[in-house]
């Protein structure tokens, strides 16, 4: 009998501060480092009261659960991997995160079938597969008028069609950005 060992990542602040989320070993799964999450939530203003969030390519789900911990109204977590999805659901149940909706589906399929608007979209796709280029054009119709996108990439994002980089930084090999739609 083999016992599956899970990795953990800690929620930084809010209602579930210091709670651990488990996540499995999975190809391409890289939890957003704690230091980066602290910076991102400083950019977003710590308290997300009333905001509706999307954690696309959810992975560990830590960005979505961190949002709920900081009073977001709701979050949709989209994860394509069945084994990773299963652990996100387990974390949702452990936290009693009733405002979280967890979907096991392809991110692009979600974007083409869903019409919901989001105030904050977390976008941290697997690297070197062209996901950012595929997802960004579809995200325009999902962003509320004052909404922002947090995007991680293996490169600095610049000169993006339709998008303005309003904040950016780098930690190790991770480039992270806050984007908003250009004023039309």
C-alpha atoms as a PDB file:
ATOM      1  CA  UNK A   1       0.000   0.000   0.000  1.00  0.00           C
ATOM      2  CA  UNK A   2       1.492   3.328  -1.027  1.00  0.00           C
ATOM      3  CA  UNK A   3       0.590   6.554   0.682  1.00  0.00           C
ATOM      4  CA  UNK A   4       0.461   9.643  -1.502  1.00  0.00           C
ATOM      5  CA  UNK A   5       2.370  12.503   0.078  1.00  0.00           C
ATOM      6  CA  UNK A   6       1.117  15.975  -0.662  1.00  0.00           C
ATOM      7  CA  UNK A   7       3.073  19.208  -0.733  1.00  0.00           C
ATOM      8  CA  UNK A   8       1.702  22.242   1.087  1.00  0.00           C
ATOM      9  CA  UNK A   9       1.443  25.980   0.587  1.00  0.00           C
ATOM     10  CA  UNK A  10       0.347  28.465   3.277  1.00  0.00           C
ATOM     11  CA  UNK A  11      -2.347  31.154   2.976  1.00  0.00           C
ATOM     12  CA  UNK A  12      -0.748  34.506   3.920  1.00  0.00           C
ATOM     13  CA  UNK A  13      -3.550  36.614   5.369  1.00  0.00           C
ATOM     14  CA  UNK A  14      -7.202  37.021   6.170  1.00  0.00           C
ATOM     15  CA  UNK A  15      -9.734  34.591   7.622  1.00  0.00           C
ATOM     16  CA  UNK A  16      -7.650  31.518   6.773  1.00  0.00           C
ATOM     17  CA  UNK A  17      -4.249  33.042   7.584  1.00  0.00           C
ATOM     18  CA  UNK A  18      -1.589  30.351   8.129  1.00  0.00           C
ATOM     19  CA  UNK A  19      -3.859  27.526   6.938  1.00  0.00           C
ATOM     20  CA  UNK A  20      -2.063  24.995   4.781  1.00  0.00           C
ATOM     21  CA  UNK A  21      -3.361  23.897   1.405  1.00  0.00           C
ATOM     22  CA  UNK A  22      -2.156  20.575   0.094  1.00  0.00           C
ATOM     23  CA  UNK A  23      -1.310  19.931  -3.530  1.00  0.00           C
ATOM     24  CA  UNK A  24       0.008  16.913  -5.430  1.00  0.00           C
ATOM     25  CA  UNK A  25       3.166  16.562  -7.454  1.00  0.00           C
ATOM     26  CA  UNK A  26       2.071  17.326 -11.000  1.00  0.00           C
ATOM     27  CA  UNK A  27       3.982  18.280 -14.113  1.00  0.00           C
ATOM     28  CA  UNK A  28       4.216  22.040 -14.516  1.00  0.00           C
ATOM     29  CA  UNK A  29       2.562  22.790 -11.149  1.00  0.00           C
ATOM     30  CA  UNK A  30       4.431  25.682  -9.524  1.00  0.00           C
ATOM     31  CA  UNK A  31       2.818  27.346  -6.524  1.00  0.00           C
ATOM     32  CA  UNK A  32       3.137  31.110  -6.574  1.00  0.00           C
ATOM     33  CA  UNK A  33       5.854  31.827  -3.977  1.00  0.00           C
ATOM     34  CA  UNK A  34       4.749  33.427  -0.699  1.00  0.00           C
ATOM     35  CA  UNK A  35       6.815  36.560  -1.304  1.00  0.00           C
ATOM     36  CA  UNK A  36       5.220  37.025  -4.732  1.00  0.00           C
ATOM     37  CA  UNK A  37       1.705  36.510  -3.315  1.00  0.00           C
ATOM     38  CA  UNK A  38       2.391  39.139  -0.651  1.00  0.00           C
ATOM     39  CA  UNK A  39       3.414  41.620  -3.344  1.00  0.00           C
ATOM     40  CA  UNK A  40       0.417  40.805  -5.544  1.00  0.00           C
ATOM     41  CA  UNK A  41      -2.054  41.294  -2.714  1.00  0.00           C
ATOM     42  CA  UNK A  42      -0.301  44.552  -1.785  1.00  0.00           C
ATOM     43  CA  UNK A  43      -0.889  45.632  -5.397  1.00  0.00           C
ATOM     44  CA  UNK A  44      -4.544  44.569  -5.161  1.00  0.00           C
ATOM     45  CA  UNK A  45      -5.073  46.365  -1.861  1.00  0.00           C
ATOM     46  CA  UNK A  46      -5.105  43.519   0.725  1.00  0.00           C
ATOM     47  CA  UNK A  47      -8.895  43.570   1.283  1.00  0.00           C
ATOM     48  CA  UNK A  48     -10.854  42.208  -1.680  1.00  0.00           C
ATOM     49  CA  UNK A  49     -14.300  42.737  -0.161  1.00  0.00           C
ATOM     50  CA  UNK A  50     -17.013  42.314  -2.763  1.00  0.00           C
ATOM     51  CA  UNK A  51     -14.721  41.367  -5.632  1.00  0.00           C
ATOM     52  CA  UNK A  52     -15.428  38.432  -7.940  1.00  0.00           C
ATOM     53  CA  UNK A  53     -12.284  36.495  -8.862  1.00  0.00           C
ATOM     54  CA  UNK A  54     -11.212  33.879 -11.384  1.00  0.00           C
ATOM     55  CA  UNK A  55      -8.256  31.569 -10.750  1.00  0.00           C
ATOM     56  CA  UNK A  56      -7.653  30.228 -14.253  1.00  0.00           C
ATOM     57  CA  UNK A  57      -5.109  27.378 -14.405  1.00  0.00           C
ATOM     58  CA  UNK A  58      -5.735  27.132 -10.642  1.00  0.00           C
ATOM     59  CA  UNK A  59      -3.004  24.610  -9.808  1.00  0.00           C
ATOM     60  CA  UNK A  60      -2.775  24.710  -6.021  1.00  0.00           C
ATOM     61  CA  UNK A  61      -5.746  27.097  -5.857  1.00  0.00           C
ATOM     62  CA  UNK A  62      -3.810  29.281  -3.437  1.00  0.00           C
ATOM     63  CA  UNK A  63      -4.529  32.529  -5.306  1.00  0.00           C
ATOM     64  CA  UNK A  64      -8.260  31.849  -5.302  1.00  0.00           C
ATOM     65  CA  UNK A  65      -8.388  30.716  -1.680  1.00  0.00           C
ATOM     66  CA  UNK A  66      -6.176  33.636  -0.622  1.00  0.00           C
ATOM     67  CA  UNK A  67      -8.714  35.955  -2.320  1.00  0.00           C
ATOM     68  CA  UNK A  68     -11.594  34.421  -0.386  1.00  0.00           C
ATOM     69  CA  UNK A  69      -9.567  34.630   2.811  1.00  0.00           C
ATOM     70  CA  UNK A  70      -9.289  38.376   2.099  1.00  0.00           C
ATOM     71  CA  UNK A  71     -13.088  38.791   1.729  1.00  0.00           C
ATOM     72  CA  UNK A  72     -13.584  38.324  -2.009  1.00  0.00           C
ATOM     73  CA  UNK A  73     -17.275  37.764  -2.762  1.00  0.00           C
ATOM     74  CA  UNK A  74     -16.595  34.629  -4.811  1.00  0.00           C
ATOM     75  CA  UNK A  75     -13.972  32.813  -6.836  1.00  0.00           C
ATOM     76  CA  UNK A  76     -14.105  30.373  -9.718  1.00  0.00           C
ATOM     77  CA  UNK A  77     -11.134  27.989  -9.826  1.00  0.00           C
ATOM     78  CA  UNK A  78     -10.554  26.251 -13.168  1.00  0.00           C
ATOM     79  CA  UNK A  79      -8.178  23.273 -13.290  1.00  0.00           C
ATOM     80  CA  UNK A  80      -7.829  20.791 -16.147  1.00  0.00           C
ATOM     81  CA  UNK A  81      -5.877  18.026 -14.362  1.00  0.00           C
ATOM     82  CA  UNK A  82      -8.307  15.589 -12.661  1.00  0.00           C
ATOM     83  CA  UNK A  83      -5.854  14.721  -9.860  1.00  0.00           C
ATOM     84  CA  UNK A  84      -5.051  18.384  -9.122  1.00  0.00           C
ATOM     85  CA  UNK A  85      -8.759  19.308  -9.347  1.00  0.00           C
ATOM     86  CA  UNK A  86      -9.586  16.607  -6.778  1.00  0.00           C
ATOM     87  CA  UNK A  87      -7.146  18.089  -4.253  1.00  0.00           C
ATOM     88  CA  UNK A  88      -8.500  21.628  -4.831  1.00  0.00           C
ATOM     89  CA  UNK A  89     -11.989  20.298  -4.007  1.00  0.00           C
ATOM     90  CA  UNK A  90     -10.587  18.660  -0.843  1.00  0.00           C
ATOM     91  CA  UNK A  91      -9.046  22.004   0.181  1.00  0.00           C
ATOM     92  CA  UNK A  92     -12.325  23.800  -0.565  1.00  0.00           C
ATOM     93  CA  UNK A  93     -14.183  21.369   1.689  1.00  0.00           C
ATOM     94  CA  UNK A  94     -11.554  21.586   4.462  1.00  0.00           C
ATOM     95  CA  UNK A  95     -11.818  25.403   4.454  1.00  0.00           C
ATOM     96  CA  UNK A  96     -15.622  25.322   4.103  1.00  0.00           C
ATOM     97  CA  UNK A  97     -15.085  27.749   1.219  1.00  0.00           C
ATOM     98  CA  UNK A  98     -18.698  27.910   0.040  1.00  0.00           C
ATOM     99  CA  UNK A  99     -17.977  30.958  -2.149  1.00  0.00           C
ATOM    100  CA  UNK A 100     -15.551  28.899  -4.257  1.00  0.00           C
ATOM    101  CA  UNK A 101     -16.708  27.138  -7.406  1.00  0.00           C
ATOM    102  CA  UNK A 102     -14.197  24.553  -8.624  1.00  0.00           C
ATOM    103  CA  UNK A 103     -14.370  23.347 -12.230  1.00  0.00           C
ATOM    104  CA  UNK A 104     -12.470  20.478 -13.822  1.00  0.00           C
ATOM    105  CA  UNK A 105     -12.129  21.724 -17.393  1.00  0.00           C
ATOM    106  CA  UNK A 106      -9.801  23.220 -19.956  1.00  0.00           C
ATOM    107  CA  UNK A 107      -9.159  26.937 -19.367  1.00  0.00           C
ATOM    108  CA  UNK A 108      -9.879  27.946 -22.970  1.00  0.00           C
ATOM    109  CA  UNK A 109     -13.094  25.894 -23.014  1.00  0.00           C
ATOM    110  CA  UNK A 110     -14.172  27.739 -19.863  1.00  0.00           C
ATOM    111  CA  UNK A 111     -13.423  31.119 -21.432  1.00  0.00           C
ATOM    112  CA  UNK A 112     -15.371  30.326 -24.608  1.00  0.00           C
ATOM    113  CA  UNK A 113     -18.461  28.965 -22.796  1.00  0.00           C
ATOM    114  CA  UNK A 114     -18.647  31.203 -19.711  1.00  0.00           C
ATOM    115  CA  UNK A 115     -19.892  34.796 -19.873  1.00  0.00           C
ATOM    116  CA  UNK A 116     -19.275  35.904 -16.295  1.00  0.00           C
ATOM    117  CA  UNK A 117     -17.374  39.130 -15.541  1.00  0.00           C
ATOM    118  CA  UNK A 118     -14.552  39.122 -13.003  1.00  0.00           C
ATOM    119  CA  UNK A 119     -12.870  41.918 -11.053  1.00  0.00           C
ATOM    120  CA  UNK A 120      -9.579  40.037 -10.620  1.00  0.00           C
ATOM    121  CA  UNK A 121      -8.304  37.247 -12.859  1.00  0.00           C
ATOM    122  CA  UNK A 122      -5.307  35.197 -11.769  1.00  0.00           C
ATOM    123  CA  UNK A 123      -3.499  33.829 -14.804  1.00  0.00           C
ATOM    124  CA  UNK A 124      -0.606  31.464 -14.117  1.00  0.00           C
ATOM    125  CA  UNK A 125      -0.560  28.906 -16.939  1.00  0.00           C
ATOM    126  CA  UNK A 126       2.053  26.212 -17.590  1.00  0.00           C
ATOM    127  CA  UNK A 127       5.162  27.731 -19.113  1.00  0.00           C
ATOM    128  CA  UNK A 128       6.401  27.345 -22.697  1.00  0.00           C
ATOM    129  CA  UNK A 129       3.056  26.213 -24.109  1.00  0.00           C
ATOM    130  CA  UNK A 130       1.715  29.514 -25.483  1.00  0.00           C
ATOM    131  CA  UNK A 131      -1.200  29.713 -23.019  1.00  0.00           C
ATOM    132  CA  UNK A 132      -0.847  33.451 -22.343  1.00  0.00           C
ATOM    133  CA  UNK A 133      -1.106  34.262 -26.047  1.00  0.00           C
ATOM    134  CA  UNK A 134      -4.198  32.039 -26.332  1.00  0.00           C
ATOM    135  CA  UNK A 135      -5.926  33.218 -23.147  1.00  0.00           C
ATOM    136  CA  UNK A 136      -5.349  36.991 -23.107  1.00  0.00           C
ATOM    137  CA  UNK A 137      -7.554  37.782 -26.146  1.00  0.00           C
ATOM    138  CA  UNK A 138     -10.403  35.777 -24.584  1.00  0.00           C
ATOM    139  CA  UNK A 139     -10.063  37.486 -21.202  1.00  0.00           C
ATOM    140  CA  UNK A 140     -11.116  40.890 -22.538  1.00  0.00           C
ATOM    141  CA  UNK A 141     -14.782  39.836 -22.491  1.00  0.00           C
ATOM    142  CA  UNK A 142     -14.490  38.469 -18.932  1.00  0.00           C
ATOM    143  CA  UNK A 143     -13.008  41.501 -17.197  1.00  0.00           C
ATOM    144  CA  UNK A 144     -15.228  43.996 -15.364  1.00  0.00           C
ATOM    145  CA  UNK A 145     -14.692  47.662 -16.355  1.00  0.00           C
ATOM    146  CA  UNK A 146     -12.229  48.302 -13.487  1.00  0.00           C
ATOM    147  CA  UNK A 147     -10.882  44.753 -13.441  1.00  0.00           C
ATOM    148  CA  UNK A 148      -7.267  43.622 -13.468  1.00  0.00           C
ATOM    149  CA  UNK A 149      -5.358  40.514 -14.439  1.00  0.00           C
ATOM    150  CA  UNK A 150      -2.474  39.108 -12.443  1.00  0.00           C
ATOM    151  CA  UNK A 151      -0.257  37.170 -14.864  1.00  0.00           C
ATOM    152  CA  UNK A 152       2.837  35.063 -14.256  1.00  0.00           C
ATOM    153  CA  UNK A 153       5.200  34.214 -17.084  1.00  0.00           C
ATOM    154  CA  UNK A 154       8.688  32.979 -17.763  1.00  0.00           C
ATOM    155  CA  UNK A 155       9.383  36.321 -19.471  1.00  0.00           C
ATOM    156  CA  UNK A 156       8.653  40.024 -18.972  1.00  0.00           C
ATOM    157  CA  UNK A 157       5.381  40.908 -20.678  1.00  0.00           C
ATOM    158  CA  UNK A 158       5.503  44.151 -22.636  1.00  0.00           C
ATOM    159  CA  UNK A 159       3.976  45.780 -25.710  1.00  0.00           C
ATOM    160  CA  UNK A 160       0.797  43.730 -25.394  1.00  0.00           C
ATOM    161  CA  UNK A 161      -2.061  44.398 -27.757  1.00  0.00           C
ATOM    162  CA  UNK A 162      -5.086  45.695 -25.804  1.00  0.00           C
ATOM    163  CA  UNK A 163      -3.310  45.404 -22.423  1.00  0.00           C
ATOM    164  CA  UNK A 164      -1.373  47.832 -20.264  1.00  0.00           C
ATOM    165  CA  UNK A 165       1.184  46.521 -17.762  1.00  0.00           C
ATOM    166  CA  UNK A 166       0.481  48.644 -14.674  1.00  0.00           C
ATOM    167  CA  UNK A 167       2.863  46.848 -12.306  1.00  0.00           C
ATOM    168  CA  UNK A 168       5.524  44.207 -12.756  1.00  0.00           C
ATOM    169  CA  UNK A 169       8.308  42.526 -10.867  1.00  0.00           C
ATOM    170  CA  UNK A 170      10.534  39.462 -10.927  1.00  0.00           C
ATOM    171  CA  UNK A 171      11.362  36.809  -8.340  1.00  0.00           C
ATOM    172  CA  UNK A 172      13.902  34.211  -9.386  1.00  0.00           C
ATOM    173  CA  UNK A 173      12.814  32.994 -12.828  1.00  0.00           C
ATOM    174  CA  UNK A 174       9.231  34.207 -12.399  1.00  0.00           C
ATOM    175  CA  UNK A 175       8.048  37.438 -13.970  1.00  0.00           C
ATOM    176  CA  UNK A 176       4.748  38.668 -12.584  1.00  0.00           C
ATOM    177  CA  UNK A 177       2.516  41.449 -13.808  1.00  0.00           C
ATOM    178  CA  UNK A 178      -0.669  43.354 -13.128  1.00  0.00           C
ATOM    179  CA  UNK A 179      -2.537  44.132 -16.358  1.00  0.00           C
ATOM    180  CA  UNK A 180      -5.566  46.170 -17.290  1.00  0.00           C
ATOM    181  CA  UNK A 181      -7.237  46.826 -20.593  1.00  0.00           C
ATOM    182  CA  UNK A 182      -5.995  49.858 -22.513  1.00  0.00           C
ATOM    183  CA  UNK A 183      -8.473  52.732 -22.448  1.00  0.00           C
ATOM    184  CA  UNK A 184     -10.358  52.644 -25.702  1.00  0.00           C
END
